[in-house]
Amino acid sequence: MHSHVRSFDFLLSTISGDGVVYEEFFKLLRPDGIFCCVGLPPKISFKPNLLVVNRLTFCGSYLASHSDIKSMLQFCAKHKVLPQIETLKMTAENANKALEKIAKNSVRYRMVLVNS
């Protein structure tokens, strides 16, 4: 991540788990950048110094309107914004494997079980 320091204007976080070092993500934002949290982690903790010094905005939203979701999906399609996911074939064994990876916080970035 070091090569991307101060290279983003906006980061959208879908993280819903514990143990995230948010300061590492804040370092990726340019001054006046925005970190938007749409995941729902049980607790968020960080030191505010990087926010204040770099004039960063930390915001969040749990739900979006139908028109907002439609607009976001159109933007993603137009600009070829794709999710970073791990996939496994949908089996009981792989479902358990996926849950183990989630519990260990080793999934990068979303686990998807594919029914093929």
N, C-alpha and C. Protein backbone atom coordinates (compact mmCIF):
# COMPACT_ATOMS: atom_id res chain seq x y z
N MET A 1 0.82 -1.20 0.00
CA MET A 1 0.00 0.00 0.00
C MET A 1 0.86 1.26 0.00
N HIS A 2 2.13 1.11 0.34
CA HIS A 2 3.00 2.28 0.42
C HIS A 2 3.07 3.05 -0.89
N SER A 3 3.01 2.35 -2.01
CA SER A 3 3.11 3.02 -3.31
C SER A 3 1.86 3.84 -3.64
N HIS A 4 0.79 3.68 -2.85
CA HIS A 4 -0.47 4.40 -3.10
C HIS A 4 -0.74 5.50 -2.08
N VAL A 5 0.24 5.81 -1.23
CA VAL A 5 0.05 6.86 -0.22
C VAL A 5 -0.34 8.17 -0.89
N ARG A 6 -1.37 8.80 -0.35
CA ARG A 6 -1.88 10.09 -0.84
C ARG A 6 -2.27 10.07 -2.33
N SER A 7 -2.82 8.96 -2.79
CA SER A 7 -3.16 8.87 -4.21
C SER A 7 -4.67 8.80 -4.48
N PHE A 8 -5.49 8.78 -3.44
CA PHE A 8 -6.93 8.67 -3.63
C PHE A 8 -7.66 9.88 -3.07
N ASP A 9 -8.71 10.29 -3.77
CA ASP A 9 -9.59 11.36 -3.28
C ASP A 9 -10.69 10.79 -2.40
N PHE A 10 -11.06 9.53 -2.67
CA PHE A 10 -12.22 8.92 -2.01
C PHE A 10 -11.97 7.44 -1.81
N LEU A 11 -12.26 6.94 -0.62
CA LEU A 11 -12.23 5.51 -0.35
C LEU A 11 -13.59 5.08 0.20
N LEU A 12 -14.13 4.02 -0.35
CA LEU A 12 -15.40 3.46 0.11
C LEU A 12 -15.09 2.16 0.83
N SER A 13 -15.39 2.12 2.11
CA SER A 13 -15.11 0.94 2.92
C SER A 13 -16.38 0.13 3.14
N THR A 14 -16.31 -1.16 2.80
CA THR A 14 -17.41 -2.08 3.07
C THR A 14 -17.06 -3.03 4.20
N ILE A 15 -16.02 -2.72 4.95
CA ILE A 15 -15.52 -3.58 6.03
C ILE A 15 -16.57 -3.69 7.14
N SER A 16 -16.87 -4.91 7.54
CA SER A 16 -17.82 -5.13 8.62
C SER A 16 -17.19 -5.87 9.80
N GLY A 17 -15.87 -6.10 9.74
CA GLY A 17 -15.21 -6.88 10.78
C GLY A 17 -14.40 -6.03 11.74
N ASP A 18 -13.86 -6.70 12.74
CA ASP A 18 -13.03 -6.07 13.77
C ASP A 18 -11.57 -6.00 13.35
N GLY A 19 -10.79 -5.25 14.11
CA GLY A 19 -9.34 -5.27 13.99
C GLY A 19 -8.76 -4.48 12.83
N VAL A 20 -9.53 -3.58 12.26
CA VAL A 20 -9.05 -2.80 11.13
C VAL A 20 -8.24 -1.61 11.64
N VAL A 21 -7.08 -1.40 11.04
CA VAL A 21 -6.25 -0.24 11.38
C VAL A 21 -6.60 0.85 10.37
N TYR A 22 -7.58 1.68 10.72
CA TYR A 22 -8.09 2.68 9.80
C TYR A 22 -7.04 3.70 9.40
N GLU A 23 -6.08 3.97 10.27
CA GLU A 23 -5.04 4.94 9.95
C GLU A 23 -4.27 4.54 8.69
N GLU A 24 -4.13 3.25 8.43
CA GLU A 24 -3.44 2.80 7.22
C GLU A 24 -4.21 3.20 5.96
N PHE A 25 -5.52 3.20 6.05
CA PHE A 25 -6.35 3.63 4.91
C PHE A 25 -6.34 5.14 4.77
N PHE A 26 -6.35 5.86 5.90
CA PHE A 26 -6.32 7.32 5.86
C PHE A 26 -5.07 7.82 5.15
N LYS A 27 -3.96 7.10 5.29
CA LYS A 27 -2.70 7.50 4.64
C LYS A 27 -2.81 7.46 3.12
N LEU A 28 -3.77 6.69 2.61
CA LEU A 28 -3.94 6.57 1.16
C LEU A 28 -4.66 7.78 0.55
N LEU A 29 -5.31 8.57 1.40
CA LEU A 29 -6.10 9.70 0.92
C LEU A 29 -5.27 10.97 0.77
N ARG A 30 -5.57 11.71 -0.30
CA ARG A 30 -4.97 13.03 -0.49
C ARG A 30 -5.57 13.99 0.53
N PRO A 31 -4.92 15.13 0.78
CA PRO A 31 -5.56 16.13 1.63
C PRO A 31 -6.96 16.47 1.11
N ASP A 32 -7.89 16.68 2.02
CA ASP A 32 -9.31 16.94 1.73
C ASP A 32 -10.03 15.71 1.19
N GLY A 33 -9.43 14.52 1.33
CA GLY A 33 -10.05 13.29 0.87
C GLY A 33 -11.20 12.86 1.77
N ILE A 34 -11.95 11.89 1.27
CA ILE A 34 -13.13 11.39 1.99
C ILE A 34 -13.01 9.88 2.17
N PHE A 35 -13.23 9.42 3.40
CA PHE A 35 -13.31 8.00 3.72
C PHE A 35 -14.76 7.74 4.10
N CYS A 36 -15.46 6.96 3.29
CA CYS A 36 -16.88 6.69 3.52
C CYS A 36 -17.06 5.24 3.93
N CYS A 37 -17.64 5.04 5.08
CA CYS A 37 -17.84 3.71 5.65
C CYS A 37 -19.29 3.28 5.44
N VAL A 38 -19.49 2.24 4.64
CA VAL A 38 -20.84 1.72 4.43
C VAL A 38 -21.01 0.32 5.03
N GLY A 39 -19.90 -0.25 5.50
CA GLY A 39 -19.99 -1.49 6.27
C GLY A 39 -20.46 -1.14 7.68
N LEU A 40 -20.74 -2.13 8.47
CA LEU A 40 -21.20 -1.87 9.83
C LEU A 40 -20.36 -2.67 10.82
N PRO A 41 -19.10 -2.25 11.04
CA PRO A 41 -18.28 -2.95 12.02
C PRO A 41 -18.83 -2.74 13.42
N PRO A 42 -18.59 -3.70 14.33
CA PRO A 42 -19.11 -3.56 15.69
C PRO A 42 -18.50 -2.38 16.45
N LYS A 43 -17.28 -2.00 16.06
CA LYS A 43 -16.60 -0.89 16.74
C LYS A 43 -15.60 -0.28 15.77
N ILE A 44 -15.51 1.04 15.76
CA ILE A 44 -14.51 1.74 14.95
C ILE A 44 -13.65 2.55 15.91
N SER A 45 -12.34 2.38 15.76
CA SER A 45 -11.43 3.12 16.63
C SER A 45 -10.23 3.58 15.82
N PHE A 46 -9.89 4.85 15.97
CA PHE A 46 -8.70 5.38 15.32
C PHE A 46 -8.29 6.68 16.01
N LYS A 47 -7.03 7.04 15.82
CA LYS A 47 -6.54 8.30 16.33
C LYS A 47 -6.87 9.38 15.30
N PRO A 48 -7.43 10.49 15.72
CA PRO A 48 -7.91 11.48 14.76
C PRO A 48 -6.82 12.36 14.14
N ASN A 49 -5.56 12.19 14.52
CA ASN A 49 -4.52 13.11 14.02
C ASN A 49 -4.42 13.14 12.50
N LEU A 50 -4.48 11.99 11.82
CA LEU A 50 -4.39 12.00 10.35
C LEU A 50 -5.60 12.69 9.71
N LEU A 51 -6.76 12.57 10.34
CA LEU A 51 -7.94 13.25 9.81
C LEU A 51 -7.77 14.76 9.90
N VAL A 52 -7.35 15.22 11.06
CA VAL A 52 -7.25 16.66 11.30
C VAL A 52 -6.13 17.29 10.47
N VAL A 53 -4.94 16.70 10.50
CA VAL A 53 -3.78 17.27 9.80
C VAL A 53 -4.01 17.34 8.30
N ASN A 54 -4.68 16.34 7.73
CA ASN A 54 -4.89 16.28 6.28
C ASN A 54 -6.28 16.74 5.85
N ARG A 55 -7.06 17.27 6.79
CA ARG A 55 -8.41 17.77 6.50
C ARG A 55 -9.28 16.69 5.84
N LEU A 56 -9.20 15.48 6.37
CA LEU A 56 -9.96 14.37 5.81
C LEU A 56 -11.37 14.36 6.39
N THR A 57 -12.29 13.82 5.61
CA THR A 57 -13.67 13.64 6.05
C THR A 57 -13.93 12.16 6.25
N PHE A 58 -14.47 11.81 7.40
CA PHE A 58 -14.89 10.44 7.69
C PHE A 58 -16.41 10.47 7.76
N CYS A 59 -17.05 9.74 6.86
CA CYS A 59 -18.50 9.73 6.84
C CYS A 59 -19.00 8.31 6.68
N GLY A 60 -20.28 8.13 6.81
CA GLY A 60 -20.83 6.80 6.66
C GLY A 60 -22.30 6.82 6.31
N SER A 61 -22.75 5.71 5.78
CA SER A 61 -24.15 5.54 5.44
C SER A 61 -24.44 4.05 5.47
N TYR A 62 -25.51 3.68 6.12
CA TYR A 62 -25.85 2.26 6.18
C TYR A 62 -26.80 1.86 5.05
N LEU A 63 -27.66 2.77 4.65
CA LEU A 63 -28.62 2.47 3.59
C LEU A 63 -28.56 3.55 2.52
N ALA A 64 -28.92 3.20 1.34
CA ALA A 64 -28.98 4.18 0.25
C ALA A 64 -30.34 4.04 -0.42
N SER A 65 -30.77 5.12 -1.03
CA SER A 65 -32.05 5.08 -1.76
C SER A 65 -31.88 4.29 -3.05
N HIS A 66 -32.99 3.89 -3.62
CA HIS A 66 -32.97 3.15 -4.88
C HIS A 66 -32.25 3.95 -5.97
N SER A 67 -32.53 5.25 -6.03
CA SER A 67 -31.91 6.08 -7.07
C SER A 67 -30.40 6.22 -6.83
N ASP A 68 -29.97 6.30 -5.56
CA ASP A 68 -28.54 6.37 -5.26
C ASP A 68 -27.82 5.09 -5.68
N ILE A 69 -28.43 3.95 -5.39
CA ILE A 69 -27.83 2.67 -5.77
C ILE A 69 -27.75 2.55 -7.29
N LYS A 70 -28.82 2.94 -7.98
CA LYS A 70 -28.83 2.90 -9.44
C LYS A 70 -27.74 3.81 -10.01
N SER A 71 -27.60 5.00 -9.47
CA SER A 71 -26.58 5.95 -9.92
C SER A 71 -25.17 5.39 -9.68
N MET A 72 -24.96 4.79 -8.51
CA MET A 72 -23.65 4.21 -8.20
C MET A 72 -23.31 3.07 -9.16
N LEU A 73 -24.28 2.21 -9.44
CA LEU A 73 -24.03 1.09 -10.34
C LEU A 73 -23.75 1.58 -11.77
N GLN A 74 -24.45 2.63 -12.19
CA GLN A 74 -24.19 3.19 -13.51
C GLN A 74 -22.78 3.78 -13.58
N PHE A 75 -22.37 4.47 -12.52
CA PHE A 75 -21.02 5.02 -12.45
C PHE A 75 -19.98 3.90 -12.54
N CYS A 76 -20.20 2.83 -11.77
CA CYS A 76 -19.26 1.71 -11.77
C CYS A 76 -19.18 1.06 -13.15
N ALA A 77 -20.32 0.90 -13.81
CA ALA A 77 -20.33 0.30 -15.15
C ALA A 77 -19.59 1.20 -16.14
N LYS A 78 -19.86 2.49 -16.07
CA LYS A 78 -19.23 3.44 -17.00
C LYS A 78 -17.71 3.48 -16.84
N HIS A 79 -17.24 3.45 -15.57
CA HIS A 79 -15.82 3.59 -15.29
C HIS A 79 -15.12 2.25 -15.02
N LYS A 80 -15.83 1.16 -15.26
CA LYS A 80 -15.29 -0.19 -15.10
C LYS A 80 -14.73 -0.42 -13.69
N VAL A 81 -15.47 0.04 -12.68
CA VAL A 81 -15.12 -0.21 -11.28
C VAL A 81 -15.64 -1.59 -10.92
N LEU A 82 -14.74 -2.50 -10.60
CA LEU A 82 -15.12 -3.89 -10.32
C LEU A 82 -14.73 -4.26 -8.90
N PRO A 83 -15.47 -5.18 -8.28
CA PRO A 83 -15.13 -5.60 -6.92
C PRO A 83 -13.90 -6.51 -6.92
N GLN A 84 -13.18 -6.47 -5.82
CA GLN A 84 -12.09 -7.42 -5.62
C GLN A 84 -12.64 -8.51 -4.72
N ILE A 85 -12.73 -9.73 -5.27
CA ILE A 85 -13.38 -10.82 -4.55
C ILE A 85 -12.55 -12.08 -4.64
N GLU A 86 -12.84 -12.99 -3.71
CA GLU A 86 -12.35 -14.36 -3.79
C GLU A 86 -13.57 -15.22 -4.04
N THR A 87 -13.43 -16.20 -4.91
CA THR A 87 -14.56 -17.07 -5.20
C THR A 87 -14.22 -18.52 -4.85
N LEU A 88 -15.23 -19.22 -4.42
CA LEU A 88 -15.16 -20.66 -4.19
C LEU A 88 -16.43 -21.27 -4.75
N LYS A 89 -16.32 -22.49 -5.24
CA LYS A 89 -17.50 -23.21 -5.70
C LYS A 89 -18.42 -23.44 -4.51
N MET A 90 -19.72 -23.31 -4.73
CA MET A 90 -20.68 -23.43 -3.64
C MET A 90 -20.86 -24.89 -3.24
N THR A 91 -20.18 -25.26 -2.18
CA THR A 91 -20.34 -26.58 -1.56
C THR A 91 -20.36 -26.36 -0.05
N ALA A 92 -20.83 -27.36 0.69
CA ALA A 92 -20.84 -27.25 2.15
C ALA A 92 -19.40 -27.10 2.67
N GLU A 93 -18.48 -27.85 2.09
CA GLU A 93 -17.07 -27.76 2.52
C GLU A 93 -16.51 -26.36 2.28
N ASN A 94 -16.79 -25.79 1.11
CA ASN A 94 -16.29 -24.45 0.80
C ASN A 94 -16.99 -23.37 1.62
N ALA A 95 -18.26 -23.59 1.96
CA ALA A 95 -18.96 -22.63 2.83
C ALA A 95 -18.27 -22.58 4.18
N ASN A 96 -17.90 -23.73 4.70
CA ASN A 96 -17.17 -23.76 5.97
C ASN A 96 -15.79 -23.13 5.83
N LYS A 97 -15.13 -23.39 4.71
CA LYS A 97 -13.82 -22.79 4.46
C LYS A 97 -13.94 -21.26 4.40
N ALA A 98 -14.97 -20.78 3.73
CA ALA A 98 -15.19 -19.33 3.63
C ALA A 98 -15.42 -18.72 5.01
N LEU A 99 -16.23 -19.38 5.83
CA LEU A 99 -16.48 -18.87 7.18
C LEU A 99 -15.20 -18.86 8.02
N GLU A 100 -14.36 -19.87 7.85
CA GLU A 100 -13.08 -19.90 8.57
C GLU A 100 -12.20 -18.73 8.14
N LYS A 101 -12.14 -18.46 6.84
CA LYS A 101 -11.33 -17.34 6.35
C LYS A 101 -11.87 -16.01 6.86
N ILE A 102 -13.19 -15.89 6.91
CA ILE A 102 -13.79 -14.66 7.43
C ILE A 102 -13.45 -14.50 8.91
N ALA A 103 -13.55 -15.58 9.68
CA ALA A 103 -13.24 -15.52 11.11
C ALA A 103 -11.78 -15.14 11.35
N LYS A 104 -10.90 -15.57 10.44
CA LYS A 104 -9.46 -15.26 10.57
C LYS A 104 -9.11 -13.91 9.94
N ASN A 105 -10.11 -13.24 9.36
CA ASN A 105 -9.90 -11.96 8.68
C ASN A 105 -8.86 -12.09 7.56
N SER A 106 -8.90 -13.20 6.85
CA SER A 106 -7.92 -13.41 5.78
C SER A 106 -8.53 -13.34 4.38
N VAL A 107 -9.79 -12.94 4.28
CA VAL A 107 -10.44 -12.80 2.97
C VAL A 107 -10.04 -11.46 2.36
N ARG A 108 -9.67 -11.48 1.11
CA ARG A 108 -9.34 -10.24 0.39
C ARG A 108 -10.18 -10.21 -0.86
N TYR A 109 -11.21 -9.48 -0.94
CA TYR A 109 -11.80 -8.56 0.01
C TYR A 109 -13.21 -9.00 0.34
N ARG A 110 -13.83 -9.71 -0.54
CA ARG A 110 -15.14 -10.31 -0.30
C ARG A 110 -15.07 -11.76 -0.72
N MET A 111 -15.74 -12.62 0.04
CA MET A 111 -15.82 -14.03 -0.29
C MET A 111 -17.15 -14.29 -0.99
N VAL A 112 -17.10 -14.92 -2.16
CA VAL A 112 -18.31 -15.20 -2.93
C VAL A 112 -18.35 -16.69 -3.23
N LEU A 113 -19.46 -17.32 -2.87
CA LEU A 113 -19.68 -18.73 -3.21
C LEU A 113 -20.44 -18.75 -4.53
N VAL A 114 -19.86 -19.42 -5.52
CA VAL A 114 -20.42 -19.42 -6.86
C VAL A 114 -21.18 -20.72 -7.09
N ASN A 115 -22.44 -20.58 -7.48
CA ASN A 115 -23.28 -21.74 -7.77
C ASN A 115 -23.21 -22.01 -9.27
N SER A 116 -22.39 -23.00 -9.62
CA SER A 116 -22.24 -23.29 -11.06
C SER A 116 -22.64 -24.69 -11.40
